[in-house]
Every structure is written in structure tokens, then in C-alpha cells.
Protein backbone atom coordinates (compact mmCIF):
# COMPACT_ATOMS: atom_id res chain seq x y z
CA MET A 1 -70.26 -9.16 -42.96
CA THR A 2 -68.87 -9.43 -46.33
CA ASP A 3 -66.48 -11.89 -47.71
CA GLU A 4 -63.98 -9.10 -48.26
CA ALA A 5 -63.80 -8.22 -44.55
CA ASN A 6 -63.55 -11.78 -43.37
CA PRO A 7 -61.84 -13.79 -46.02
CA GLN A 8 -62.07 -17.49 -45.59
CA LEU A 9 -58.93 -19.47 -45.98
CA GLU A 10 -59.26 -21.96 -48.66
CA PRO A 11 -58.26 -25.42 -47.65
CA GLN A 12 -54.78 -26.26 -48.84
CA PRO A 13 -54.31 -29.50 -50.56
CA GLU A 14 -52.58 -31.95 -48.27
CA ALA A 15 -49.07 -32.87 -49.17
CA THR A 16 -48.83 -36.29 -50.43
CA THR A 17 -45.95 -38.49 -49.86
CA GLU A 18 -46.61 -40.22 -53.08
CA GLY A 19 -45.01 -37.50 -55.24
CA ALA A 20 -41.74 -37.03 -53.33
CA PRO A 21 -40.53 -39.62 -50.89
CA VAL A 22 -39.48 -38.17 -47.52
CA ASP A 23 -35.85 -38.98 -46.67
CA VAL A 24 -35.97 -39.65 -42.92
CA GLU A 25 -32.24 -40.13 -42.61
CA ALA A 26 -31.54 -36.78 -44.27
CA LEU A 27 -33.99 -35.05 -41.92
CA GLN A 28 -32.42 -36.73 -38.89
CA ALA A 29 -28.96 -35.66 -40.09
CA GLU A 30 -30.23 -32.10 -40.55
CA VAL A 31 -31.71 -32.10 -37.03
CA ALA A 32 -28.47 -33.52 -35.59
CA LYS A 33 -26.44 -30.83 -37.41
CA ALA A 34 -28.78 -28.08 -36.16
CA ARG A 35 -28.52 -29.47 -32.61
CA ASP A 36 -24.71 -29.62 -32.88
CA ASP A 37 -24.60 -26.03 -34.18
CA MET A 38 -26.83 -24.90 -31.32
CA LEU A 39 -24.64 -26.65 -28.70
CA ARG A 40 -21.51 -25.14 -30.22
CA ALA A 41 -23.07 -21.67 -30.16
CA LEU A 42 -24.06 -22.13 -26.49
CA ALA A 43 -20.55 -23.35 -25.62
CA ASP A 44 -19.03 -20.41 -27.47
CA ALA A 45 -21.29 -17.98 -25.59
CA GLU A 46 -20.32 -19.60 -22.26
CA ASN A 47 -16.61 -19.42 -23.12
CA THR A 48 -16.98 -15.76 -24.07
CA ARG A 49 -18.76 -15.04 -20.78
CA ARG A 50 -16.04 -16.80 -18.76
CA ARG A 51 -13.27 -15.02 -20.69
CA ALA A 52 -14.94 -11.65 -20.06
CA GLU A 53 -15.28 -12.42 -16.33
CA ARG A 54 -11.62 -13.48 -16.12
CA GLN A 55 -10.46 -10.36 -17.97
CA ALA A 56 -12.58 -8.14 -15.74
CA ALA A 57 -11.14 -9.79 -12.61
CA GLU A 58 -7.58 -9.39 -13.95
CA ALA A 59 -8.28 -5.76 -14.81
CA ARG A 60 -9.44 -5.13 -11.24
CA VAL A 61 -6.35 -6.80 -9.74
CA TYR A 62 -3.72 -5.48 -12.15
CA ALA A 63 -5.16 -2.03 -12.86
CA ILE A 64 -2.55 -0.34 -10.68
CA ASP A 65 0.53 -2.11 -12.04
CA ARG A 66 1.91 0.88 -13.99
CA PHE A 67 1.15 3.31 -11.19
CA ALA A 68 2.72 0.98 -8.65
CA ALA A 69 5.81 0.53 -10.84
CA ASP A 70 6.16 4.32 -10.92
CA LEU A 71 6.00 4.45 -7.10
CA LEU A 72 8.63 1.75 -6.51
CA PRO A 73 11.60 4.13 -6.95
CA ILE A 74 10.06 6.36 -4.27
CA ALA A 75 9.85 3.42 -1.86
CA ASP A 76 13.46 2.51 -2.71
CA THR A 77 14.66 6.06 -2.09
CA LEU A 78 12.92 6.16 1.29
CA HIS A 79 14.45 2.81 2.23
CA ARG A 80 17.96 3.91 1.20
CA ALA A 81 17.55 7.20 3.10
CA LEU A 82 16.67 5.24 6.23
CA GLN A 83 19.63 2.90 5.77
CA THR A 84 22.09 5.78 5.55
CA ALA A 85 20.52 7.98 8.23
CA PRO A 86 22.67 8.53 11.32
CA ARG A 87 20.97 6.62 14.14
CA ASP A 88 23.18 7.86 16.94
CA SER A 89 22.63 11.57 16.39
CA ALA A 90 22.06 13.66 19.50
CA ASP A 91 20.23 16.31 17.50
CA ASP A 92 16.45 16.14 18.06
CA ALA A 93 15.71 17.56 14.62
CA ILE A 94 17.58 14.72 12.90
CA ALA A 95 15.95 12.12 15.17
CA ASN A 96 12.51 13.57 14.31
CA LEU A 97 13.37 13.54 10.60
CA ILE A 98 14.38 9.88 10.78
CA THR A 99 11.17 9.04 12.67
CA GLY A 100 9.17 10.85 9.98
CA LEU A 101 10.96 8.91 7.22
CA GLU A 102 10.27 5.61 9.02
CA LEU A 103 6.58 6.47 9.37
CA THR A 104 6.36 7.54 5.72
CA GLU A 105 7.94 4.30 4.54
CA ARG A 106 5.67 2.22 6.77
CA VAL A 107 2.53 4.04 5.54
CA LEU A 108 3.64 3.61 1.91
CA VAL A 109 4.25 -0.13 2.36
CA GLU A 110 0.86 -0.47 4.12
CA ALA A 111 -0.85 1.39 1.24
CA PHE A 112 0.86 -0.97 -1.20
CA ALA A 113 -0.41 -3.96 0.81
CA ARG A 114 -3.99 -2.61 0.86
CA HIS A 115 -3.95 -2.58 -2.92
CA GLY A 116 -2.42 -6.04 -3.30
CA LEU A 117 1.21 -4.99 -3.81
CA LYS A 118 3.40 -7.12 -1.57
CA ARG A 119 7.08 -6.56 -0.77
CA VAL A 120 9.32 -9.61 -1.28
CA GLY A 121 12.96 -10.29 -0.59
CA ALA A 122 13.53 -10.65 3.13
CA ARG A 123 16.78 -11.86 4.62
CA GLY A 124 16.69 -15.58 5.38
CA GLU A 125 13.90 -16.59 2.99
CA PRO A 126 14.70 -19.36 0.51
CA PHE A 127 15.87 -18.14 -2.90
CA ASP A 128 13.04 -18.34 -5.44
CA PRO A 129 13.84 -17.32 -9.03
CA LYS A 130 10.22 -16.22 -9.50
CA PHE A 131 10.67 -13.49 -6.89
CA HIS A 132 14.44 -13.00 -6.59
CA GLN A 133 17.23 -11.99 -8.92
CA ALA A 134 20.57 -13.29 -7.69
CA VAL A 135 23.23 -10.60 -7.93
CA ALA A 136 25.94 -12.70 -6.32
CA GLN A 137 26.54 -15.74 -4.16
CA ALA A 138 28.80 -15.72 -1.14
CA PRO A 139 29.36 -17.66 2.06
CA GLY A 140 27.47 -16.31 5.03
CA ASP A 141 25.60 -17.08 8.22
CA GLN A 142 22.39 -18.09 6.37
CA PRO A 143 21.82 -21.65 5.09
CA ALA A 144 22.87 -22.37 1.53
CA GLY A 145 20.29 -21.29 -1.04
CA SER A 146 18.68 -18.61 1.11
CA VAL A 147 18.81 -14.83 0.89
CA GLN A 148 21.88 -13.50 2.67
CA GLU A 149 21.37 -9.82 1.88
CA VAL A 150 18.72 -7.77 0.06
CA MET A 151 20.15 -5.16 -2.29
CA GLN A 152 16.75 -3.96 -3.53
CA HIS A 153 13.32 -5.16 -2.45
CA GLY A 154 11.04 -6.76 -5.01
CA TYR A 155 7.29 -6.42 -5.32
CA VAL A 156 4.51 -8.81 -6.33
CA LEU A 157 1.07 -7.68 -7.51
CA GLY A 158 -1.44 -10.52 -7.20
CA ASP A 159 0.44 -13.47 -8.62
CA ARG A 160 2.63 -11.41 -10.97
CA THR A 161 6.11 -10.29 -10.09
CA LEU A 162 6.18 -6.56 -10.70
CA ARG A 163 9.90 -6.34 -9.89
CA ALA A 164 12.19 -9.12 -8.68
CA ALA A 165 14.21 -8.51 -5.53
CA MET A 166 17.93 -8.13 -6.12
CA VAL A 167 19.59 -10.38 -3.55
CA LEU A 168 22.88 -11.88 -2.45
CA VAL A 169 22.41 -15.64 -2.12
CA SER A 170 24.15 -17.50 0.66
CA ALA A 171 26.47 -20.35 -0.23
CA GLY A 172 26.26 -21.55 3.36
CA PRO A 173 28.69 -21.09 6.23
CA PRO A 174 32.28 -20.60 5.15
CA ALA A 175 34.20 -23.83 4.95
CA THR A 176 36.88 -24.07 7.56
CA ALA A 177 40.10 -25.17 6.01
CA ALA A 178 41.67 -28.08 7.76
CA VAL A 179 44.98 -26.94 9.09
CA HIS A 180 47.62 -29.61 8.92
CA ASN A 181 50.86 -29.02 10.64
CA VAL A 182 53.44 -30.17 8.22
CA ASP A 183 56.93 -30.12 9.44
CA ILE A 184 59.30 -29.98 6.54
CA LYS A 185 62.91 -30.59 7.34
CA VAL A 186 65.49 -29.90 4.80
């Protein structure tokens, strides 16, 4: 073997501390800064991972919000058709049509529920401004502050209100005026 094929490393002269004094405090500060930078980078990576997970979960839950909003007028039209349909018709064809409309509405509401879209705004529930839009307030048979009548159902997707229910809020039972018999003699 030749020296060219297997070169020997020449011993390096050892660094002496006599020429340049080692600043221990500066080195410790540099290590502390590097450690702080590393911890910040790890925290930033963890925050990015959590944010991505949260956004992915929200995307899964709220992916259908535009499609669902487009279907809400169809559900409203079915509901209004059922409200105005003659229930006392003797004609079998009309009775079958009404039954078909009821089944269609029920299947649509069930499909909404399977995908996380929930109908809100039932008569008698307490008024909640997150889910209800008060159209008017009037005395009625429901307790004060509860839904007396639903003008248009609202829908909630996950924890977001897709459309608030338009409701008539009850002011409570009508106040009975005290009748005083006043006899006025002139």
C-alpha cells in the first residue's frame, strides 16, 4: 500500500485556550437561544398541526352548507304545500298526493338530519336569538318569551345557524281587563 492510497491524517495541533479565552457565558447564552428557537419551532409545528386538524374537521362538517342552503327553499315549498293542502277532500287522488308530499318532506328532513342539518323553530320552545328571528310579538296561549307560531323553519348545521327561524314570539296570555261597573248619574 502506498501513502497515496491510504493517506494518514496528520495530527492537528490542539487548540489552546491561552490564545483566545473561551467565554462560557456567551456559549451558555448561545445554547439557551438555540434551545429557545428549537422549542418555538416545535410549538409552531404543533400549532400548525392542530390548526390543520381543526380546519379539516370543520371542512367535513360544513362542506354541505351551500348545497343545504340551496335545498332549504325546496323544504319550505313542500311545507307550505302541505299547510295549504285540503285535508278533508273525498277524492282519493288528492289524498294520495298529500300523503306523497308528507312522505317527501319527511324523507328530506331525515336526509338533512343524517348530514347534520337540524330543523329549528318549533312551537312552544323558548325564544333564542341564536336560532330565531322574531317577526312580531303578540299575546297567545304560550308562556311569555316562547315561540307562539313558526312562520318559516330555521336550520342549524353543526353549531352554525344556516338560517334563523322566523317566529312570532308570545307575550304571554292576554291580560284580562278588570271590568269596573261605574254608575254615572247626571
